[in-house]
Amino acid sequence: MQTPPPPTRRDFAASPRALWLLCLGLFVVYSTSQVKMQTDSLWSIPSAASILHEGNTDLDEFKPTFTPGTDYAHSEFGGRIYYVYPPGVMVSALPFLVAAEGVFSLVRPLLPHLGPLGARALSWLEMFQRTGWIDLGSYNRTEQLIASFYVCAAAGVLLIALRRRVSARAALATVLLFGLGTTAYSTASRVLWQHAPSLLAICCIVLLLARPVQTARTAFLLGLTVALGYVCRPTNSLSIIVVTAYLALRFWRLLPVYFAGATLVAIPFCAYNLSIYGSLLSPYYQTSLHLVADRFFMALAANLVSPSRGLWVFSPFLVLSVVGFVQQWRRRGLEPYEVAFAVIVLLHWVAISAFPMWWAGHSVGPRFFTDVLPYLVYFLAFPVQTAVEAPRQHRVLAGVLTVTAVCSVLLHWRASSSFAVHAWNSVPVNVDGAPERVWDWKDAQFLRALPSRFLSPPS
């Protein structure tokens, strides 16, 4: 087993300050980046407001707000209108909304006297407590701040997990790449998609599973965490399957405790679905996969190397994750839980490629890979450690890592600060009607990340 070198007394990367500064720095970057594209997240905050103010999740009190442009995100069941996406998203917003409403309500008499900041707080409070017509776009900043918090928390948890396996400097460098050079930045942190709380759950799974011995406490927390991940994102069912199988093979005596943790989430989740949909799972969780050979293999390739949806195009340094896995395998240093991580990634790749909308709709790059980034980044840490600890002996590796890291960070920064990258989804043709556009190298989405003065208009 490869173990990280012991930190020195002056090793800043191993200190608690590095952890807090990492999270704070990422939060500043995320919260100051301009792009906040609400799509699937449109009704996340109003649904949470409905829970707080009316004790239910239906959106009937907002009917005047309904337009054809928002119909895709809500559906009618039992004569009431509900947000169609997983309940974990709206629930993840509740702590922040409760705190914000409580504080703003407490100081409400002072807000008119606090200048522009007070005026914005008062406007937000009035909108949040309003029914009937509401401005959904006014919540994009709220969504961004909440999503940014979850992604920063995920980065912090991942740093703690990686410090156990590689040096503190390598762990810090790896997490910075995760936070700035992947869709964790350009997608998960932008608005309250399912991906932000999902990432935190997956990072917690990595932290809990990446240990040689499991205890009753960690097994209980694992069960709780995999269930929480599932109520945020259906594809996290793959983590449930593999983690459960891992425990059954390695620590089968802990399965009752593991299932007890999962049950704490599963019972209210299933009860909620039964009360609304009359089944244990909502329709969103029952989407079937399409394994049509030609289309499936094309989607497999597109999700890795296409110019507008390819994982290795938008975050090319993640190719080194494969290198890291092979390194550990050749050294016979692979831990059983690391095999579990790799299996989850492979199953996820197959699942998203078999999904009917495998190109992930209107999004930036490989959005569907976002939820398994912590597993991929885990293996990236090994070549990063090699490059960081001995750059002169591994100049080629260090050079490749540096170049791909810079390209990735710039691309995702641009996608988070310019709407031009997002315009690719609609101009010149809607990608949902022409998904073959993801293979067009002459008008690749990643090229839209370049300022327009460097590009000629797409034909």
Protein backbone atom coordinates (compact mmCIF):
# COMPACT_ATOMS: atom_id res chain seq x y z
CA MET A 1 0.00 0.00 0.00
CA GLN A 2 1.38 3.39 -1.01
CA THR A 3 1.40 5.71 1.98
CA PRO A 4 1.92 9.47 1.93
CA PRO A 5 5.12 10.82 3.47
CA PRO A 6 4.71 12.24 6.97
CA PRO A 7 4.10 16.01 6.90
CA THR A 8 6.80 18.31 8.21
CA ARG A 9 6.07 20.94 10.82
CA ARG A 10 6.17 23.64 8.13
CA ASP A 11 4.06 21.77 5.59
CA PHE A 12 1.27 24.27 4.98
CA ALA A 13 -0.63 21.87 2.67
CA ALA A 14 -1.13 19.50 5.61
CA SER A 15 -2.44 22.17 7.97
CA PRO A 16 -6.08 22.93 8.78
CA ARG A 17 -5.52 26.42 7.35
CA ALA A 18 -4.94 24.94 3.91
CA LEU A 19 -8.30 23.18 4.11
CA TRP A 20 -10.19 26.31 5.13
CA LEU A 21 -8.38 28.56 2.65
CA LEU A 22 -9.08 26.06 -0.13
CA CYS A 23 -12.81 26.11 0.61
CA LEU A 24 -12.88 29.88 1.05
CA GLY A 25 -10.89 30.52 -2.12
CA LEU A 26 -13.11 28.24 -4.19
CA PHE A 27 -16.22 29.88 -2.75
CA VAL A 28 -14.95 33.33 -3.75
CA VAL A 29 -14.23 32.14 -7.29
CA TYR A 30 -17.58 30.37 -7.62
CA SER A 31 -19.69 33.15 -6.15
CA THR A 32 -18.06 35.87 -8.25
CA SER A 33 -18.32 34.01 -11.56
CA GLN A 34 -21.04 35.56 -13.67
CA VAL A 35 -22.85 32.67 -15.32
CA LYS A 36 -25.96 31.47 -13.48
CA MET A 37 -28.02 29.51 -16.03
CA GLN A 38 -31.24 28.27 -14.46
CA THR A 39 -32.79 25.32 -16.27
CA ASP A 40 -33.63 22.19 -14.28
CA SER A 41 -33.14 24.17 -11.07
CA LEU A 42 -35.94 26.71 -11.74
CA TRP A 43 -38.36 25.42 -9.11
CA SER A 44 -35.90 24.27 -6.45
CA ILE A 45 -36.19 27.39 -4.27
CA PRO A 46 -39.99 27.85 -4.64
CA SER A 47 -40.46 24.16 -3.73
CA ALA A 48 -38.36 24.66 -0.61
CA ALA A 49 -40.38 27.81 0.18
CA SER A 50 -43.56 25.75 -0.12
CA ILE A 51 -42.20 23.29 2.44
CA LEU A 52 -41.39 26.10 4.88
CA HIS A 53 -44.53 28.18 4.45
CA GLU A 54 -47.24 25.64 3.63
CA GLY A 55 -45.90 22.30 4.84
CA ASN A 56 -46.04 20.67 1.40
CA THR A 57 -44.04 20.50 -1.83
CA ASP A 58 -46.71 21.34 -4.37
CA LEU A 59 -46.38 24.51 -6.43
CA ASP A 60 -50.07 25.36 -6.69
CA GLU A 61 -49.56 28.67 -4.91
CA PHE A 62 -47.30 29.78 -7.78
CA LYS A 63 -49.64 28.95 -10.69
CA PRO A 64 -49.56 32.52 -12.11
CA THR A 65 -45.84 31.98 -12.67
CA PHE A 66 -46.32 28.92 -14.89
CA THR A 67 -45.38 29.47 -18.53
CA PRO A 68 -44.70 27.09 -21.44
CA GLY A 69 -41.00 27.70 -20.84
CA THR A 70 -41.18 26.22 -17.32
CA ASP A 71 -43.55 23.32 -18.03
CA TYR A 72 -40.73 20.78 -18.44
CA ALA A 73 -39.76 21.20 -14.77
CA HIS A 74 -43.16 20.56 -13.19
CA SER A 75 -45.96 18.02 -13.63
CA GLU A 76 -49.43 17.40 -12.25
CA PHE A 77 -50.14 14.46 -9.93
CA GLY A 78 -53.36 14.00 -8.00
CA GLY A 79 -54.62 17.39 -9.11
CA ARG A 80 -51.54 19.26 -7.79
CA ILE A 81 -48.40 20.56 -9.47
CA TYR A 82 -44.97 19.33 -8.32
CA TYR A 83 -41.33 19.91 -9.18
CA VAL A 84 -40.33 16.85 -11.22
CA TYR A 85 -36.71 16.61 -10.08
CA PRO A 86 -35.42 14.75 -6.99
CA PRO A 87 -36.57 15.97 -3.56
CA GLY A 88 -33.00 16.01 -2.29
CA VAL A 89 -32.38 19.21 -4.23
CA MET A 90 -35.10 21.24 -2.53
CA VAL A 91 -34.31 19.72 0.87
CA SER A 92 -30.62 20.60 0.49
CA ALA A 93 -31.61 24.27 0.19
CA LEU A 94 -33.71 24.32 3.36
CA PRO A 95 -31.00 25.03 5.99
CA PHE A 96 -29.78 28.07 4.08
CA LEU A 97 -33.26 29.39 3.36
CA VAL A 98 -34.36 28.97 6.98
CA ALA A 99 -31.27 30.86 8.15
CA ALA A 100 -31.65 33.64 5.55
CA GLU A 101 -35.35 34.14 6.19
CA GLY A 102 -34.83 34.12 9.95
CA VAL A 103 -32.02 36.66 9.91
CA PHE A 104 -33.66 38.98 7.38
CA SER A 105 -36.99 38.83 9.23
CA LEU A 106 -35.27 39.63 12.52
CA VAL A 107 -33.53 42.73 11.16
CA ARG A 108 -36.29 43.71 8.72
CA PRO A 109 -36.92 47.14 10.33
CA LEU A 110 -33.24 47.99 9.76
CA LEU A 111 -32.98 46.83 6.14
CA PRO A 112 -34.35 50.04 4.53
CA HIS A 113 -31.57 51.96 6.29
CA LEU A 114 -28.71 49.74 5.12
CA GLY A 115 -28.38 51.08 1.58
CA PRO A 116 -28.30 48.87 -1.54
CA LEU A 117 -27.37 45.76 0.44
CA GLY A 118 -30.34 46.18 2.74
CA ALA A 119 -32.62 46.87 -0.22
CA ARG A 120 -31.56 43.63 -1.90
CA ALA A 121 -32.09 41.67 1.30
CA LEU A 122 -35.55 43.17 1.76
CA SER A 123 -36.46 42.47 -1.87
CA TRP A 124 -35.34 38.86 -1.51
CA LEU A 125 -37.34 38.39 1.69
CA GLU A 126 -40.51 39.80 0.16
CA MET A 127 -40.11 37.61 -2.92
CA PHE A 128 -39.39 34.50 -0.84
CA GLN A 129 -42.53 35.00 1.24
CA ARG A 130 -44.72 35.81 -1.77
CA THR A 131 -47.18 33.52 -3.55
CA GLY A 132 -48.85 33.96 -6.94
CA TRP A 133 -46.49 35.38 -9.54
CA ILE A 134 -42.79 35.31 -8.62
CA ASP A 135 -39.66 36.16 -10.56
CA LEU A 136 -37.88 32.82 -10.83
CA GLY A 137 -34.81 34.53 -12.24
CA SER A 138 -34.39 36.47 -9.01
CA TYR A 139 -33.37 33.23 -7.29
CA ASN A 140 -30.38 32.50 -9.51
CA ARG A 141 -28.01 34.22 -7.06
CA THR A 142 -29.51 32.29 -4.14
CA GLU A 143 -29.06 29.04 -6.02
CA GLN A 144 -25.49 29.93 -6.92
CA LEU A 145 -24.48 30.61 -3.33
CA ILE A 146 -26.05 27.39 -2.04
CA ALA A 147 -24.57 25.29 -4.83
CA SER A 148 -21.15 26.91 -4.33
CA PHE A 149 -21.24 25.99 -0.65
CA TYR A 150 -21.93 22.33 -1.43
CA VAL A 151 -19.19 22.08 -4.03
CA CYS A 152 -16.70 23.77 -1.68
CA ALA A 153 -17.69 21.39 1.10
CA ALA A 154 -17.20 18.49 -1.31
CA ALA A 155 -13.70 19.77 -2.12
CA GLY A 156 -12.86 19.98 1.56
CA VAL A 157 -14.04 16.43 2.24
CA LEU A 158 -12.13 15.16 -0.79
CA LEU A 159 -8.95 16.85 0.44
CA ILE A 160 -9.23 15.07 3.79
CA ALA A 161 -9.74 11.74 2.01
CA LEU A 162 -6.79 12.19 -0.36
CA ARG A 163 -4.41 13.23 2.41
CA ARG A 164 -4.69 9.67 3.71
CA ARG A 165 -3.40 8.22 0.44
CA VAL A 166 -0.95 10.75 -1.04
CA SER A 167 1.16 13.63 0.23
CA ALA A 168 -0.60 16.75 1.47
CA ARG A 169 0.78 18.84 -1.40
CA ALA A 170 -0.36 16.31 -3.98
CA ALA A 171 -3.79 16.13 -2.35
CA LEU A 172 -4.13 19.92 -2.37
CA ALA A 173 -3.04 20.20 -6.01
CA THR A 174 -5.44 17.43 -7.02
CA VAL A 175 -8.42 19.02 -5.29
CA LEU A 176 -7.63 22.38 -6.85
CA LEU A 177 -7.82 20.68 -10.24
CA PHE A 178 -11.13 19.15 -9.24
CA GLY A 179 -12.48 22.49 -8.05
CA LEU A 180 -11.32 24.67 -10.95
CA GLY A 181 -10.70 22.40 -13.92
CA THR A 182 -13.86 20.30 -14.14
CA THR A 183 -17.63 20.63 -14.34
CA ALA A 184 -17.61 20.90 -10.56
CA TYR A 185 -16.90 24.56 -11.37
CA SER A 186 -18.69 25.17 -14.68
CA THR A 187 -21.82 23.13 -13.83
CA ALA A 188 -22.28 22.09 -10.21
CA SER A 189 -21.43 25.46 -8.66
CA ARG A 190 -23.45 27.61 -11.07
CA VAL A 191 -27.01 27.02 -9.81
CA LEU A 192 -28.75 24.44 -7.65
CA TRP A 193 -28.65 21.49 -10.03
CA GLN A 194 -28.76 18.01 -8.55
CA HIS A 195 -24.99 17.84 -8.97
CA ALA A 196 -23.91 20.09 -6.07
CA PRO A 197 -25.37 18.13 -3.13
CA SER A 198 -24.68 14.92 -5.06
CA LEU A 199 -20.97 15.77 -5.21
CA LEU A 200 -20.82 16.26 -1.46
CA ALA A 201 -22.48 12.89 -0.90
CA ILE A 202 -20.04 11.12 -3.26
CA CYS A 203 -17.03 12.79 -1.62
CA CYS A 204 -18.30 11.58 1.74
CA ILE A 205 -18.55 8.05 0.31
CA VAL A 206 -14.92 8.31 -0.81
CA LEU A 207 -13.89 9.50 2.66
CA LEU A 208 -15.79 6.74 4.45
CA LEU A 209 -14.94 3.91 2.10
CA ALA A 210 -11.24 4.70 1.60
CA ARG A 211 -10.07 3.03 4.78
CA PRO A 212 -8.65 -0.45 5.39
CA VAL A 213 -11.14 -1.31 8.12
CA GLN A 214 -14.81 -0.48 8.51
CA THR A 215 -16.51 -0.08 11.87
CA ALA A 216 -20.16 -0.02 12.85
CA ARG A 217 -20.00 3.77 12.92
CA THR A 218 -18.52 4.14 9.41
CA ALA A 219 -20.89 1.49 8.01
CA PHE A 220 -23.88 3.34 9.44
CA LEU A 221 -22.65 6.62 7.97
CA LEU A 222 -21.99 4.91 4.63
CA GLY A 223 -25.57 3.67 4.49
CA LEU A 224 -26.85 7.13 5.34
CA THR A 225 -24.60 8.81 2.76
CA VAL A 226 -25.32 6.51 -0.19
CA ALA A 227 -29.04 6.95 0.44
CA LEU A 228 -28.68 10.74 0.60
CA GLY A 229 -26.78 10.66 -2.67
CA TYR A 230 -29.60 8.71 -4.29
CA VAL A 231 -32.34 11.14 -3.26
CA CYS A 232 -30.27 13.87 -4.94
CA ARG A 233 -29.39 12.05 -8.17
CA PRO A 234 -30.79 8.74 -9.58
CA THR A 235 -27.49 7.65 -11.16
CA ASN A 236 -26.04 7.43 -7.65
CA SER A 237 -27.90 4.13 -7.45
CA LEU A 238 -24.72 2.70 -8.99
CA SER A 239 -22.78 3.77 -5.90
CA ILE A 240 -25.41 2.06 -3.75
CA ILE A 241 -25.08 -1.19 -5.70
CA VAL A 242 -21.28 -1.30 -5.69
CA VAL A 243 -20.82 -0.09 -2.11
CA THR A 244 -23.37 -2.60 -0.86
CA ALA A 245 -21.63 -5.40 -2.76
CA TYR A 246 -18.25 -4.27 -1.39
CA LEU A 247 -19.49 -4.40 2.19
CA ALA A 248 -21.20 -7.75 1.58
CA LEU A 249 -17.91 -9.23 0.35
CA ARG A 250 -15.54 -7.58 2.81
CA PHE A 251 -17.50 -6.63 5.93
CA TRP A 252 -20.73 -8.61 5.72
CA ARG A 253 -21.31 -8.50 9.47
CA LEU A 254 -21.74 -4.73 9.25
CA LEU A 255 -24.55 -4.95 6.69
CA PRO A 256 -27.37 -4.60 9.28
CA VAL A 257 -25.82 -1.36 10.56
CA TYR A 258 -25.25 -0.16 7.00
CA PHE A 259 -28.87 -0.83 6.07
CA ALA A 260 -30.03 0.88 9.25
CA GLY A 261 -28.30 4.08 8.12
CA ALA A 262 -29.82 3.82 4.65
CA THR A 263 -33.27 3.18 6.10
CA LEU A 264 -33.27 6.54 7.88
CA VAL A 265 -33.39 8.14 4.44
CA ALA A 266 -35.21 5.45 2.48
CA ILE A 267 -38.37 5.40 4.63
CA PRO A 268 -39.25 9.11 4.35
CA PHE A 269 -38.16 9.13 0.69
CA CYS A 270 -40.42 6.22 -0.23
CA ALA A 271 -43.27 7.54 1.93
CA TYR A 272 -43.04 10.89 0.15
CA ASN A 273 -43.18 9.23 -3.26
CA LEU A 274 -46.11 7.03 -2.26
CA SER A 275 -48.07 10.02 -1.01
CA ILE A 276 -47.68 11.89 -4.30
CA TYR A 277 -47.04 9.40 -7.10
CA GLY A 278 -48.58 6.25 -5.63
CA SER A 279 -45.30 4.34 -6.09
CA LEU A 280 -42.00 3.96 -4.28
CA LEU A 281 -40.20 5.98 -6.96
CA SER A 282 -41.22 9.08 -8.90
CA PRO A 283 -41.40 8.96 -12.72
CA TYR A 284 -38.06 10.77 -12.91
CA TYR A 285 -36.42 7.75 -11.26
CA GLN A 286 -38.03 5.30 -13.68
CA THR A 287 -36.45 6.45 -16.95
CA SER A 288 -35.46 3.41 -18.98
CA LEU A 289 -32.08 3.02 -20.70
CA HIS A 290 -31.78 2.43 -24.45
CA LEU A 291 -29.09 -0.04 -25.46
CA VAL A 292 -29.29 0.36 -29.24
CA ALA A 293 -25.87 -0.77 -30.43
CA ASP A 294 -24.85 1.95 -32.92
CA ARG A 295 -26.24 4.79 -30.86
CA PHE A 296 -24.87 3.38 -27.60
CA PHE A 297 -21.29 2.97 -28.83
CA MET A 298 -21.38 6.42 -30.40
CA ALA A 299 -22.54 7.87 -27.06
CA LEU A 300 -19.78 5.98 -25.20
CA ALA A 301 -17.20 7.65 -27.42
CA ALA A 302 -18.92 11.05 -27.34
CA ASN A 303 -18.93 11.19 -23.56
CA LEU A 304 -15.16 10.76 -23.54
CA VAL A 305 -13.71 12.46 -26.61
CA SER A 306 -16.32 14.47 -28.55
CA PRO A 307 -15.43 18.18 -28.90
CA SER A 308 -18.59 19.36 -27.15
CA ARG A 309 -19.30 16.67 -24.54
CA GLY A 310 -16.04 14.80 -24.09
CA LEU A 311 -14.67 14.40 -20.58
CA TRP A 312 -11.09 14.26 -21.84
CA VAL A 313 -11.62 17.30 -24.05
CA PHE A 314 -12.98 19.58 -21.33
CA SER A 315 -10.72 18.20 -18.55
CA PRO A 316 -7.84 16.52 -20.39
CA PHE A 317 -5.80 16.04 -17.22
CA LEU A 318 -8.35 13.38 -16.21
CA VAL A 319 -6.68 11.04 -18.70
CA LEU A 320 -4.10 10.73 -15.94
CA SER A 321 -6.77 9.17 -13.72
CA VAL A 322 -6.50 6.11 -15.95
CA VAL A 323 -2.73 6.32 -15.60
CA GLY A 324 -3.10 6.46 -11.82
CA PHE A 325 -5.32 3.39 -11.77
CA VAL A 326 -2.90 1.44 -13.99
CA GLN A 327 0.04 2.54 -11.82
CA GLN A 328 -1.62 1.18 -8.70
CA TRP A 329 -2.64 -2.03 -10.46
CA ARG A 330 0.88 -2.66 -11.80
CA ARG A 331 2.36 -2.00 -8.37
CA ARG A 332 -0.21 -4.39 -6.92
CA GLY A 333 -1.16 -1.51 -4.68
CA LEU A 334 -4.85 -1.39 -5.53
CA GLU A 335 -7.03 -1.53 -2.47
CA PRO A 336 -10.40 -3.33 -2.73
CA TYR A 337 -12.28 -0.08 -2.24
CA GLU A 338 -10.30 1.44 -5.13
CA VAL A 339 -11.54 -1.35 -7.36
CA ALA A 340 -15.05 -0.40 -6.21
CA PHE A 341 -14.41 3.23 -7.23
CA ALA A 342 -13.28 2.14 -10.70
CA VAL A 343 -16.29 -0.16 -11.15
CA ILE A 344 -18.66 2.68 -10.26
CA VAL A 345 -17.04 4.95 -12.87
CA LEU A 346 -17.30 2.27 -15.58
CA LEU A 347 -20.94 1.51 -14.78
CA HIS A 348 -21.72 5.22 -14.71
CA TRP A 349 -20.12 5.72 -18.13
CA VAL A 350 -22.27 2.90 -19.52
CA ALA A 351 -25.43 4.23 -17.87
CA ILE A 352 -25.12 7.82 -19.08
CA SER A 353 -24.32 6.58 -22.59
CA ALA A 354 -27.45 4.43 -22.59
CA PHE A 355 -29.61 7.32 -21.35
CA PRO A 356 -32.04 8.62 -24.01
CA MET A 357 -30.64 12.17 -23.76
CA TRP A 358 -27.02 11.03 -23.51
CA TRP A 359 -25.71 14.49 -24.55
CA ALA A 360 -27.10 15.99 -21.30
CA GLY A 361 -29.34 18.58 -22.91
CA HIS A 362 -28.34 22.24 -22.67
CA SER A 363 -25.19 22.09 -20.61
CA VAL A 364 -21.44 22.60 -20.65
CA GLY A 365 -19.27 19.67 -21.69
CA PRO A 366 -19.52 16.35 -19.86
CA ARG A 367 -22.23 17.32 -17.35
CA PHE A 368 -23.29 13.71 -16.84
CA PHE A 369 -19.81 12.80 -15.60
CA THR A 370 -19.97 15.42 -12.84
CA ASP A 371 -21.27 13.08 -10.14
CA VAL A 372 -18.40 10.58 -10.43
CA LEU A 373 -15.64 13.19 -10.55
CA PRO A 374 -14.55 12.41 -6.94
CA TYR A 375 -13.85 8.78 -7.92
CA LEU A 376 -11.89 9.88 -11.00
CA VAL A 377 -9.97 12.55 -9.11
CA TYR A 378 -9.03 9.97 -6.47
CA PHE A 379 -6.90 8.09 -9.04
CA LEU A 380 -5.58 11.35 -10.47
CA ALA A 381 -3.89 12.01 -7.13
CA PHE A 382 -1.26 9.30 -7.73
CA PRO A 383 0.32 10.76 -10.90
CA VAL A 384 -0.09 14.23 -9.40
CA GLN A 385 1.99 13.10 -6.43
CA THR A 386 4.64 11.75 -8.79
CA ALA A 387 4.78 15.06 -10.66
CA VAL A 388 4.66 17.25 -7.55
CA GLU A 389 7.20 15.36 -5.45
CA ALA A 390 9.77 14.67 -8.20
CA PRO A 391 9.20 17.04 -11.14
CA ARG A 392 12.79 16.83 -12.44
CA GLN A 393 12.70 13.04 -12.63
CA HIS A 394 9.30 13.08 -14.34
CA ARG A 395 9.48 16.12 -16.59
CA VAL A 396 7.19 14.75 -19.27
CA LEU A 397 4.49 13.89 -16.75
CA ALA A 398 4.87 17.27 -15.02
CA GLY A 399 4.72 19.07 -18.36
CA VAL A 400 1.62 17.20 -19.52
CA LEU A 401 -0.09 17.80 -16.20
CA THR A 402 0.74 21.51 -16.24
CA VAL A 403 -0.40 22.13 -19.82
CA THR A 404 -3.64 20.14 -19.50
CA ALA A 405 -4.39 21.71 -16.12
CA VAL A 406 -3.98 25.25 -17.42
CA CYS A 407 -6.17 24.53 -20.47
CA SER A 408 -8.87 22.93 -18.31
CA VAL A 409 -8.96 25.71 -15.74
CA LEU A 410 -9.16 28.41 -18.41
CA LEU A 411 -11.93 26.56 -20.24
CA HIS A 412 -14.11 26.05 -17.18
CA TRP A 413 -13.43 29.58 -15.95
CA ARG A 414 -14.59 30.92 -19.30
CA ALA A 415 -17.68 28.69 -19.25
CA SER A 416 -18.49 30.08 -15.79
CA SER A 417 -17.97 33.72 -16.73
CA SER A 418 -19.20 33.98 -20.33
CA PHE A 419 -22.61 33.06 -21.74
CA ALA A 420 -21.03 32.47 -25.15
CA VAL A 421 -20.14 28.90 -24.18
CA HIS A 422 -23.75 28.17 -23.24
CA ALA A 423 -25.04 29.73 -26.45
CA TRP A 424 -23.52 26.80 -28.35
CA ASN A 425 -26.46 24.68 -27.15
CA SER A 426 -28.92 26.78 -29.18
CA VAL A 427 -26.90 28.47 -31.92
CA PRO A 428 -26.90 27.76 -34.79
CA VAL A 429 -29.10 24.70 -34.10
CA ASN A 430 -30.66 23.38 -30.88
CA VAL A 431 -28.52 20.45 -29.75
CA ASP A 432 -31.59 18.63 -28.42
CA GLY A 433 -32.85 18.38 -32.00
CA ALA A 434 -29.44 17.65 -33.49
CA PRO A 435 -27.26 15.81 -30.94
CA GLU A 436 -24.83 14.88 -33.71
CA ARG A 437 -23.53 18.44 -33.30
CA VAL A 438 -21.41 17.23 -30.39
CA TRP A 439 -19.01 15.76 -33.00
CA ASP A 440 -18.64 18.97 -35.01
CA TRP A 441 -14.99 19.98 -34.60
CA LYS A 442 -15.52 23.12 -36.69
CA ASP A 443 -18.00 24.46 -34.14
CA ALA A 444 -16.95 22.75 -30.92
CA GLN A 445 -18.38 24.01 -27.67
CA PHE A 446 -14.95 24.24 -26.11
CA LEU A 447 -13.94 26.65 -28.88
CA ARG A 448 -16.72 28.99 -27.79
CA ALA A 449 -14.62 29.44 -24.66
CA LEU A 450 -12.21 31.48 -26.75
CA PRO A 451 -13.03 35.21 -27.02
CA SER A 452 -14.90 35.97 -30.23
CA ARG A 453 -12.07 38.10 -31.64
CA PHE A 454 -9.99 34.92 -31.96
CA LEU A 455 -12.68 33.04 -33.84
CA SER A 456 -14.56 33.41 -37.08
CA PRO A 457 -18.36 33.00 -36.83
CA PRO A 458 -19.52 29.38 -37.17
CA SER A 459 -20.90 28.58 -40.61
